[in-house]
PDB file of N, CA and C in Angstrom:
ATOM      1  N   MET A   1      60.359 100.581  97.281  1.00  0.00           N
ATOM      2  CA  MET A   1      61.229 101.733  97.380  1.00  0.00           C
ATOM      3  C   MET A   1      60.537 102.793  98.234  1.00  0.00           C
ATOM      4  N   SER A   2      61.292 103.495  99.029  1.00  0.00           N
ATOM      5  CA  SER A   2      60.714 104.507  99.909  1.00  0.00           C
ATOM      6  C   SER A   2      60.373 105.770  99.129  1.00  0.00           C
ATOM      7  N   GLN A   3      59.517 106.575  99.731  1.00  0.00           N
ATOM      8  CA  GLN A   3      59.122 107.823  99.104  1.00  0.00           C
ATOM      9  C   GLN A   3      60.281 108.815  99.116  1.00  0.00           C
ATOM     10  N   ALA A   4      60.262 109.701  98.112  1.00  0.00           N
ATOM     11  CA  ALA A   4      61.288 110.739  98.036  1.00  0.00           C
ATOM     12  C   ALA A   4      61.078 111.741  99.157  1.00  0.00           C
ATOM     13  N   HIS A   5      62.147 112.184  99.716  1.00  0.00           N
ATOM     14  CA  HIS A   5      62.132 113.190 100.766  1.00  0.00           C
ATOM     15  C   HIS A   5      62.393 114.543 100.102  1.00  0.00           C
ATOM     16  N   PRO A   6      61.853 115.634 100.620  1.00  0.00           N
ATOM     17  CA  PRO A   6      62.075 116.956 100.005  1.00  0.00           C
ATOM     18  C   PRO A   6      63.550 117.330  99.839  1.00  0.00           C
ATOM     19  N   THR A   7      64.437 116.713 100.620  1.00  0.00           N
ATOM     20  CA  THR A   7      65.859 117.033 100.496  1.00  0.00           C
ATOM     21  C   THR A   7      66.582 116.128  99.506  1.00  0.00           C
ATOM     22  N   ASP A   8      65.901 115.123  98.979  1.00  0.00           N
ATOM     23  CA  ASP A   8      66.513 114.228  97.992  1.00  0.00           C
ATOM     24  C   ASP A   8      66.751 114.973  96.684  1.00  0.00           C
ATOM     25  N   ASP A   9      67.768 114.548  95.957  1.00  0.00           N
ATOM     26  CA  ASP A   9      68.016 115.105  94.631  1.00  0.00           C
ATOM     27  C   ASP A   9      67.097 114.361  93.670  1.00  0.00           C
ATOM     28  N   LEU A  10      66.040 114.997  93.268  1.00  0.00           N
ATOM     29  CA  LEU A  10      65.020 114.347  92.460  1.00  0.00           C
ATOM     30  C   LEU A  10      65.427 114.178  91.001  1.00  0.00           C
ATOM     31  N   ARG A  11      66.571 114.730  90.608  1.00  0.00           N
ATOM     32  CA  ARG A  11      67.033 114.598  89.226  1.00  0.00           C
ATOM     33  C   ARG A  11      67.866 113.342  89.003  1.00  0.00           C
ATOM     34  N   ILE A  12      68.149 112.598  90.051  1.00  0.00           N
ATOM     35  CA  ILE A  12      68.927 111.370  89.906  1.00  0.00           C
ATOM     36  C   ILE A  12      68.042 110.300  89.300  1.00  0.00           C
ATOM     37  N   GLU A  13      68.479 109.776  88.146  1.00  0.00           N
ATOM     38  CA  GLU A  13      67.711 108.737  87.461  1.00  0.00           C
ATOM     39  C   GLU A  13      68.025 107.345  87.994  1.00  0.00           C
ATOM     40  N   ARG A  14      69.317 107.123  88.333  1.00  0.00           N
ATOM     41  CA  ARG A  14      69.714 105.811  88.837  1.00  0.00           C
ATOM     42  C   ARG A  14      71.053 105.930  89.561  1.00  0.00           C
ATOM     43  N   ILE A  15      71.330 104.946  90.371  1.00  0.00           N
ATOM     44  CA  ILE A  15      72.601 104.854  91.069  1.00  0.00           C
ATOM     45  C   ILE A  15      73.206 103.518  90.695  1.00  0.00           C
ATOM     46  N   ARG A  16      74.470 103.542  90.296  1.00  0.00           N
ATOM     47  CA  ARG A  16      75.132 102.289  89.945  1.00  0.00           C
ATOM     48  C   ARG A  16      76.553 102.290  90.489  1.00  0.00           C
ATOM     49  N   SER A  17      77.062 101.131  90.744  1.00  0.00           N
ATOM     50  CA  SER A  17      78.416 100.995  91.275  1.00  0.00           C
ATOM     51  C   SER A  17      79.432 101.290  90.193  1.00  0.00           C
ATOM     52  N   ILE A  18      80.583 101.822  90.604  1.00  0.00           N
ATOM     53  CA  ILE A  18      81.672 102.033  89.663  1.00  0.00           C
ATOM     54  C   ILE A  18      82.761 101.017  89.964  1.00  0.00           C
ATOM     55  N   ILE A  19      83.585 100.758  88.952  1.00  0.00           N
ATOM     56  CA  ILE A  19      84.640  99.767  89.153  1.00  0.00           C
ATOM     57  C   ILE A  19      85.798 100.393  89.929  1.00  0.00           C
ATOM     58  N   SER A  20      86.613  99.559  90.514  1.00  0.00           N
ATOM     59  CA  SER A  20      87.753 100.033  91.296  1.00  0.00           C
ATOM     60  C   SER A  20      88.827 100.587  90.361  1.00  0.00           C
ATOM     61  N   PRO A  21      89.701 101.441  90.881  1.00  0.00           N
ATOM     62  CA  PRO A  21      90.804 101.951  90.053  1.00  0.00           C
ATOM     63  C   PRO A  21      91.657 100.828  89.470  1.00  0.00           C
ATOM     64  N   ALA A  22      91.907  99.782  90.240  1.00  0.00           N
ATOM     65  CA  ALA A  22      92.712  98.658  89.751  1.00  0.00           C
ATOM     66  C   ALA A  22      92.025  97.964  88.578  1.00  0.00           C
ATOM     67  N   ALA A  23      90.729  97.762  88.689  1.00  0.00           N
ATOM     68  CA  ALA A  23      89.978  97.130  87.597  1.00  0.00           C
ATOM     69  C   ALA A  23      89.948  98.038  86.369  1.00  0.00           C
ATOM     70  N   LEU A  24      89.826  99.325  86.593  1.00  0.00           N
ATOM     71  CA  LEU A  24      89.829 100.288  85.492  1.00  0.00           C
ATOM     72  C   LEU A  24      91.158 100.240  84.741  1.00  0.00           C
ATOM     73  N   MET A  25      92.269 100.235  85.482  1.00  0.00           N
ATOM     74  CA  MET A  25      93.587 100.182  84.847  1.00  0.00           C
ATOM     75  C   MET A  25      93.798  98.874  84.098  1.00  0.00           C
ATOM     76  N   GLN A  26      93.226  97.789  84.608  1.00  0.00           N
ATOM     77  CA  GLN A  26      93.336  96.492  83.945  1.00  0.00           C
ATOM     78  C   GLN A  26      92.528  96.486  82.651  1.00  0.00           C
ATOM     79  N   GLU A  27      91.329  97.055  82.697  1.00  0.00           N
ATOM     80  CA  GLU A  27      90.435  97.037  81.544  1.00  0.00           C
ATOM     81  C   GLU A  27      90.866  98.023  80.461  1.00  0.00           C
ATOM     82  N   TRP A  28      91.360  99.208  80.872  1.00  0.00           N
ATOM     83  CA  TRP A  28      91.785 100.244  79.929  1.00  0.00           C
ATOM     84  C   TRP A  28      93.186 100.722  80.283  1.00  0.00           C
ATOM     85  N   PRO A  29      94.203  99.973  79.892  1.00  0.00           N
ATOM     86  CA  PRO A  29      95.570 100.385  80.228  1.00  0.00           C
ATOM     87  C   PRO A  29      95.937 101.690  79.517  1.00  0.00           C
ATOM     88  N   VAL A  30      96.821 102.456  80.141  1.00  0.00           N
ATOM     89  CA  VAL A  30      97.256 103.738  79.601  1.00  0.00           C
ATOM     90  C   VAL A  30      98.271 103.497  78.489  1.00  0.00           C
ATOM     91  N   ALA A  31      98.108 104.212  77.386  1.00  0.00           N
ATOM     92  CA  ALA A  31      99.062 104.129  76.279  1.00  0.00           C
ATOM     93  C   ALA A  31     100.402 104.708  76.718  1.00  0.00           C
ATOM     94  N   GLU A  32     101.482 104.195  76.189  1.00  0.00           N
ATOM     95  CA  GLU A  32     102.826 104.648  76.567  1.00  0.00           C
ATOM     96  C   GLU A  32     102.992 106.148  76.337  1.00  0.00           C
ATOM     97  N   GLU A  33     102.508 106.653  75.222  1.00  0.00           N
ATOM     98  CA  GLU A  33     102.606 108.081  74.915  1.00  0.00           C
ATOM     99  C   GLU A  33     101.891 108.923  75.980  1.00  0.00           C
ATOM    100  N   THR A  34     100.753 108.451  76.427  1.00  0.00           N
ATOM    101  CA  THR A  34      99.997 109.156  77.467  1.00  0.00           C
ATOM    102  C   THR A  34     100.749 109.129  78.788  1.00  0.00           C
ATOM    103  N   ALA A  35     101.301 107.981  79.125  1.00  0.00           N
ATOM    104  CA  ALA A  35     102.048 107.852  80.377  1.00  0.00           C
ATOM    105  C   ALA A  35     103.252 108.797  80.397  1.00  0.00           C
ATOM    106  N   VAL A  36     103.944 108.909  79.269  1.00  0.00           N
ATOM    107  CA  VAL A  36     105.101 109.804  79.172  1.00  0.00           C
ATOM    108  C   VAL A  36     104.652 111.252  79.340  1.00  0.00           C
ATOM    109  N   PHE A  37     103.536 111.620  78.697  1.00  0.00           N
ATOM    110  CA  PHE A  37     103.008 112.976  78.808  1.00  0.00           C
ATOM    111  C   PHE A  37     102.651 113.312  80.256  1.00  0.00           C
ATOM    112  N   VAL A  38     101.953 112.406  80.925  1.00  0.00           N
ATOM    113  CA  VAL A  38     101.537 112.640  82.312  1.00  0.00           C
ATOM    114  C   VAL A  38     102.759 112.761  83.220  1.00  0.00           C
ATOM    115  N   GLU A  39     103.735 111.896  83.030  1.00  0.00           N
ATOM    116  CA  GLU A  39     104.945 111.958  83.854  1.00  0.00           C
ATOM    117  C   GLU A  39     105.650 113.300  83.683  1.00  0.00           C
ATOM    118  N   GLN A  40     105.767 113.772  82.437  1.00  0.00           N
ATOM    119  CA  GLN A  40     106.430 115.053  82.187  1.00  0.00           C
ATOM    120  C   GLN A  40     105.626 116.214  82.763  1.00  0.00           C
ATOM    121  N   ALA A  41     104.309 116.164  82.618  1.00  0.00           N
ATOM    122  CA  ALA A  41     103.451 117.227  83.157  1.00  0.00           C
ATOM    123  C   ALA A  41     103.580 117.310  84.669  1.00  0.00           C
ATOM    124  N   ARG A  42     103.664 116.169  85.325  1.00  0.00           N
ATOM    125  CA  ARG A  42     103.844 116.159  86.781  1.00  0.00           C
ATOM    126  C   ARG A  42     105.203 116.727  87.181  1.00  0.00           C
ATOM    127  N   LYS A  43     106.245 116.379  86.427  1.00  0.00           N
ATOM    128  CA  LYS A  43     107.578 116.922  86.713  1.00  0.00           C
ATOM    129  C   LYS A  43     107.598 118.429  86.513  1.00  0.00           C
ATOM    130  N   ASP A  44     106.952 118.900  85.434  1.00  0.00           N
ATOM    131  CA  ASP A  44     106.899 120.341  85.176  1.00  0.00           C
ATOM    132  C   ASP A  44     106.194 121.072  86.319  1.00  0.00           C
ATOM    133  N   ALA A  45     105.059 120.558  86.745  1.00  0.00           N
ATOM    134  CA  ALA A  45     104.312 121.186  87.843  1.00  0.00           C
ATOM    135  C   ALA A  45     105.147 121.196  89.122  1.00  0.00           C
ATOM    136  N   GLU A  46     105.821 120.093  89.399  1.00  0.00           N
ATOM    137  CA  GLU A  46     106.663 120.014  90.596  1.00  0.00           C
ATOM    138  C   GLU A  46     107.797 121.039  90.526  1.00  0.00           C
ATOM    139  N   ASN A  47     108.414 121.163  89.364  1.00  0.00           N
ATOM    140  CA  ASN A  47     109.506 122.129  89.214  1.00  0.00           C
ATOM    141  C   ASN A  47     109.021 123.560  89.406  1.00  0.00           C
ATOM    142  N   ILE A  48     107.839 123.871  88.918  1.00  0.00           N
ATOM    143  CA  ILE A  48     107.284 125.211  89.116  1.00  0.00           C
ATOM    144  C   ILE A  48     107.016 125.455  90.592  1.00  0.00           C
ATOM    145  N   MET A  49     106.418 124.493  91.251  1.00  0.00           N
ATOM    146  CA  MET A  49     106.070 124.659  92.664  1.00  0.00           C
ATOM    147  C   MET A  49     107.309 124.739  93.550  1.00  0.00           C
ATOM    148  N   GLN A  50     108.408 124.126  93.118  1.00  0.00           N
ATOM    149  CA  GLN A  50     109.652 124.180  93.895  1.00  0.00           C
ATOM    150  C   GLN A  50     110.539 125.362  93.501  1.00  0.00           C
ATOM    151  N   GLY A  51     110.066 126.178  92.563  1.00  0.00           N
ATOM    152  CA  GLY A  51     110.834 127.340  92.148  1.00  0.00           C
ATOM    153  C   GLY A  51     111.957 127.040  91.173  1.00  0.00           C
ATOM    154  N   LYS A  52     112.019 125.826  90.652  1.00  0.00           N
ATOM    155  CA  LYS A  52     113.051 125.459  89.679  1.00  0.00           C
ATOM    156  C   LYS A  52     112.678 125.914  88.269  1.00  0.00           C
ATOM    157  N   ASP A  53     111.432 126.253  88.062  1.00  0.00           N
ATOM    158  CA  ASP A  53     110.897 126.728  86.785  1.00  0.00           C
ATOM    159  C   ASP A  53     110.128 128.007  87.118  1.00  0.00           C
ATOM    160  N   ASP A  54     110.448 129.105  86.449  1.00  0.00           N
ATOM    161  CA  ASP A  54     109.832 130.379  86.829  1.00  0.00           C
ATOM    162  C   ASP A  54     108.483 130.653  86.167  1.00  0.00           C
ATOM    163  N   ARG A  55     107.961 129.690  85.430  1.00  0.00           N
ATOM    164  CA  ARG A  55     106.635 129.876  84.843  1.00  0.00           C
ATOM    165  C   ARG A  55     105.561 129.809  85.932  1.00  0.00           C
ATOM    166  N   LEU A  56     104.379 130.286  85.580  1.00  0.00           N
ATOM    167  CA  LEU A  56     103.231 130.220  86.476  1.00  0.00           C
ATOM    168  C   LEU A  56     102.422 128.974  86.136  1.00  0.00           C
ATOM    169  N   LEU A  57     102.104 128.175  87.122  1.00  0.00           N
ATOM    170  CA  LEU A  57     101.265 126.993  86.934  1.00  0.00           C
ATOM    171  C   LEU A  57      99.805 127.425  87.017  1.00  0.00           C
ATOM    172  N   VAL A  58      99.058 127.169  85.953  1.00  0.00           N
ATOM    173  CA  VAL A  58      97.645 127.542  85.891  1.00  0.00           C
ATOM    174  C   VAL A  58      96.828 126.273  85.695  1.00  0.00           C
ATOM    175  N   VAL A  59      95.988 125.968  86.666  1.00  0.00           N
ATOM    176  CA  VAL A  59      95.100 124.813  86.570  1.00  0.00           C
ATOM    177  C   VAL A  59      93.705 125.353  86.274  1.00  0.00           C
ATOM    178  N   ALA A  60      93.186 125.019  85.110  1.00  0.00           N
ATOM    179  CA  ALA A  60      91.913 125.573  84.666  1.00  0.00           C
ATOM    180  C   ALA A  60      91.029 124.463  84.121  1.00  0.00           C
ATOM    181  N   GLY A  61      89.746 124.677  84.238  1.00  0.00           N
ATOM    182  CA  GLY A  61      88.851 123.715  83.623  1.00  0.00           C
ATOM    183  C   GLY A  61      87.588 123.499  84.402  1.00  0.00           C
ATOM    184  N   PRO A  62      86.794 122.605  83.899  1.00  0.00           N
ATOM    185  CA  PRO A  62      85.507 122.326  84.540  1.00  0.00           C
ATOM    186  C   PRO A  62      85.693 121.541  85.837  1.00  0.00           C
ATOM    187  N   CYS A  63      84.729 121.693  86.727  1.00  0.00           N
ATOM    188  CA  CYS A  63      84.742 120.920  87.974  1.00  0.00           C
ATOM    189  C   CYS A  63      84.496 119.441  87.685  1.00  0.00           C
ATOM    190  N   SER A  64      83.659 119.212  86.692  1.00  0.00           N
ATOM    191  CA  SER A  64      83.358 117.839  86.290  1.00  0.00           C
ATOM    192  C   SER A  64      82.976 117.853  84.818  1.00  0.00           C
ATOM    193  N   ILE A  65      82.983 116.699  84.230  1.00  0.00           N
ATOM    194  CA  ILE A  65      82.647 116.590  82.812  1.00  0.00           C
ATOM    195  C   ILE A  65      81.386 115.754  82.669  1.00  0.00           C
ATOM    196  N   HIS A  66      80.401 116.359  82.036  1.00  0.00           N
ATOM    197  CA  HIS A  66      79.142 115.659  81.787  1.00  0.00           C
ATOM    198  C   HIS A  66      78.939 115.403  80.299  1.00  0.00           C
ATOM    199  N   ASP A  67      79.659 116.152  79.467  1.00  0.00           N
ATOM    200  CA  ASP A  67      79.517 116.068  78.027  1.00  0.00           C
ATOM    201  C   ASP A  67      80.902 115.902  77.408  1.00  0.00           C
ATOM    202  N   ARG A  68      81.170 114.727  76.882  1.00  0.00           N
ATOM    203  CA  ARG A  68      82.486 114.398  76.333  1.00  0.00           C
ATOM    204  C   ARG A  68      82.903 115.369  75.235  1.00  0.00           C
ATOM    205  N   GLU A  69      81.993 115.680  74.328  1.00  0.00           N
ATOM    206  CA  GLU A  69      82.325 116.561  73.206  1.00  0.00           C
ATOM    207  C   GLU A  69      82.720 117.957  73.683  1.00  0.00           C
ATOM    208  N   SER A  70      81.998 118.482  74.648  1.00  0.00           N
ATOM    209  CA  SER A  70      82.330 119.806  75.188  1.00  0.00           C
ATOM    210  C   SER A  70      83.694 119.772  75.866  1.00  0.00           C
ATOM    211  N   ALA A  71      83.985 118.705  76.565  1.00  0.00           N
ATOM    212  CA  ALA A  71      85.276 118.576  77.246  1.00  0.00           C
ATOM    213  C   ALA A  71      86.416 118.535  76.231  1.00  0.00           C
ATOM    214  N   LEU A  72      86.234 117.812  75.147  1.00  0.00           N
ATOM    215  CA  LEU A  72      87.267 117.737  74.116  1.00  0.00           C
ATOM    216  C   LEU A  72      87.448 119.087  73.422  1.00  0.00           C
ATOM    217  N   GLU A  73      86.359 119.795  73.188  1.00  0.00           N
ATOM    218  CA  GLU A  73      86.435 121.127  72.595  1.00  0.00           C
ATOM    219  C   GLU A  73      87.218 122.068  73.518  1.00  0.00           C
ATOM    220  N   TYR A  74      86.916 122.021  74.811  1.00  0.00           N
ATOM    221  CA  TYR A  74      87.613 122.852  75.796  1.00  0.00           C
ATOM    222  C   TYR A  74      89.100 122.491  75.812  1.00  0.00           C
ATOM    223  N   ALA A  75      89.412 121.201  75.782  1.00  0.00           N
ATOM    224  CA  ALA A  75      90.802 120.751  75.816  1.00  0.00           C
ATOM    225  C   ALA A  75      91.571 121.262  74.602  1.00  0.00           C
ATOM    226  N   LYS A  76      90.942 121.258  73.442  1.00  0.00           N
ATOM    227  CA  LYS A  76      91.607 121.757  72.230  1.00  0.00           C
ATOM    228  C   LYS A  76      91.886 123.251  72.337  1.00  0.00           C
ATOM    229  N   LEU A  77      90.944 124.006  72.868  1.00  0.00           N
ATOM    230  CA  LEU A  77      91.151 125.445  73.060  1.00  0.00           C
ATOM    231  C   LEU A  77      92.257 125.701  74.078  1.00  0.00           C
ATOM    232  N   LEU A  78      92.256 124.929  75.157  1.00  0.00           N
ATOM    233  CA  LEU A  78      93.283 125.085  76.185  1.00  0.00           C
ATOM    234  C   LEU A  78      94.660 124.723  75.631  1.00  0.00           C
ATOM    235  N   LEU A  79      94.721 123.710  74.776  1.00  0.00           N
ATOM    236  CA  LEU A  79      95.991 123.315  74.167  1.00  0.00           C
ATOM    237  C   LEU A  79      96.568 124.453  73.336  1.00  0.00           C
ATOM    238  N   LYS A  80      95.729 125.129  72.570  1.00  0.00           N
ATOM    239  CA  LYS A  80      96.196 126.280  71.785  1.00  0.00           C
ATOM    240  C   LYS A  80      96.764 127.367  72.703  1.00  0.00           C
ATOM    241  N   ALA A  81      96.056 127.663  73.783  1.00  0.00           N
ATOM    242  CA  ALA A  81      96.529 128.670  74.738  1.00  0.00           C
ATOM    243  C   ALA A  81      97.811 128.197  75.413  1.00  0.00           C
ATOM    244  N   ARG A  82      97.886 126.917  75.728  1.00  0.00           N
ATOM    245  CA  ARG A  82      99.077 126.335  76.355  1.00  0.00           C
ATOM    246  C   ARG A  82     100.297 126.530  75.458  1.00  0.00           C
ATOM    247  N   GLN A  83     100.128 126.253  74.168  1.00  0.00           N
ATOM    248  CA  GLN A  83     101.229 126.389  73.217  1.00  0.00           C
ATOM    249  C   GLN A  83     101.617 127.856  73.036  1.00  0.00           C
ATOM    250  N   LYS A  84     100.642 128.718  72.973  1.00  0.00           N
ATOM    251  CA  LYS A  84     100.890 130.145  72.760  1.00  0.00           C
ATOM    252  C   LYS A  84     101.653 130.779  73.925  1.00  0.00           C
ATOM    253  N   HIS A  85     101.342 130.365  75.143  1.00  0.00           N
ATOM    254  CA  HIS A  85     101.908 130.985  76.347  1.00  0.00           C
ATOM    255  C   HIS A  85     102.917 130.094  77.081  1.00  0.00           C
ATOM    256  N   ALA A  86     103.457 129.107  76.383  1.00  0.00           N
ATOM    257  CA  ALA A  86     104.322 128.101  77.022  1.00  0.00           C
ATOM    258  C   ALA A  86     105.547 128.709  77.717  1.00  0.00           C
ATOM    259  N   ALA A  87     106.025 129.819  77.218  1.00  0.00           N
ATOM    260  CA  ALA A  87     107.221 130.425  77.827  1.00  0.00           C
ATOM    261  C   ALA A  87     106.959 130.987  79.217  1.00  0.00           C
ATOM    262  N   ASP A  88     105.707 131.390  79.462  1.00  0.00           N
ATOM    263  CA  ASP A  88     105.361 132.035  80.736  1.00  0.00           C
ATOM    264  C   ASP A  88     104.433 131.215  81.627  1.00  0.00           C
ATOM    265  N   LEU A  89     103.645 130.334  81.016  1.00  0.00           N
ATOM    266  CA  LEU A  89     102.623 129.603  81.775  1.00  0.00           C
ATOM    267  C   LEU A  89     102.696 128.110  81.489  1.00  0.00           C
ATOM    268  N   ASP A  90     102.333 127.336  82.477  1.00  0.00           N
ATOM    269  CA  ASP A  90     102.109 125.904  82.287  1.00  0.00           C
ATOM    270  C   ASP A  90     100.618 125.688  82.539  1.00  0.00           C
ATOM    271  N   LEU A  91      99.839 125.641  81.460  1.00  0.00           N
ATOM    272  CA  LEU A  91      98.385 125.482  81.565  1.00  0.00           C
ATOM    273  C   LEU A  91      98.044 124.004  81.662  1.00  0.00           C
ATOM    274  N   VAL A  92      97.298 123.647  82.693  1.00  0.00           N
ATOM    275  CA  VAL A  92      96.900 122.268  82.936  1.00  0.00           C
ATOM    276  C   VAL A  92      95.384 122.211  83.046  1.00  0.00           C
ATOM    277  N   MET A  93      94.780 121.286  82.322  1.00  0.00           N
ATOM    278  CA  MET A  93      93.324 121.128  82.390  1.00  0.00           C
ATOM    279  C   MET A  93      92.948 120.331  83.624  1.00  0.00           C
ATOM    280  N   ARG A  94      92.052 120.874  84.391  1.00  0.00           N
ATOM    281  CA  ARG A  94      91.585 120.222  85.627  1.00  0.00           C
ATOM    282  C   ARG A  94      90.470 119.245  85.281  1.00  0.00           C
ATOM    283  N   VAL A  95      90.812 117.974  85.257  1.00  0.00           N
ATOM    284  CA  VAL A  95      89.812 116.927  85.046  1.00  0.00           C
ATOM    285  C   VAL A  95      90.199 115.694  85.828  1.00  0.00           C
TER     286      VAL A  95
END
């Protein structure tokens, strides 16, 4: 293995390949309830962006998720805010 260069990210422990989206969908298919939720969320966002829904679309959340538990905690808090402000806002978690 070659020596580390000063511009290398020295915090990287390992590099591994990820599976393709098709393989991921085959291995972990989406539950019907989840698919229905995603389809409706996309329709809601589209309606807001086209002016058919006068709510404000708010996309909030972390840039990336490194800690599953923290992400789930954030999602639960966002869900409460989503329910509270549903008449005026469509809050979507960015993940």
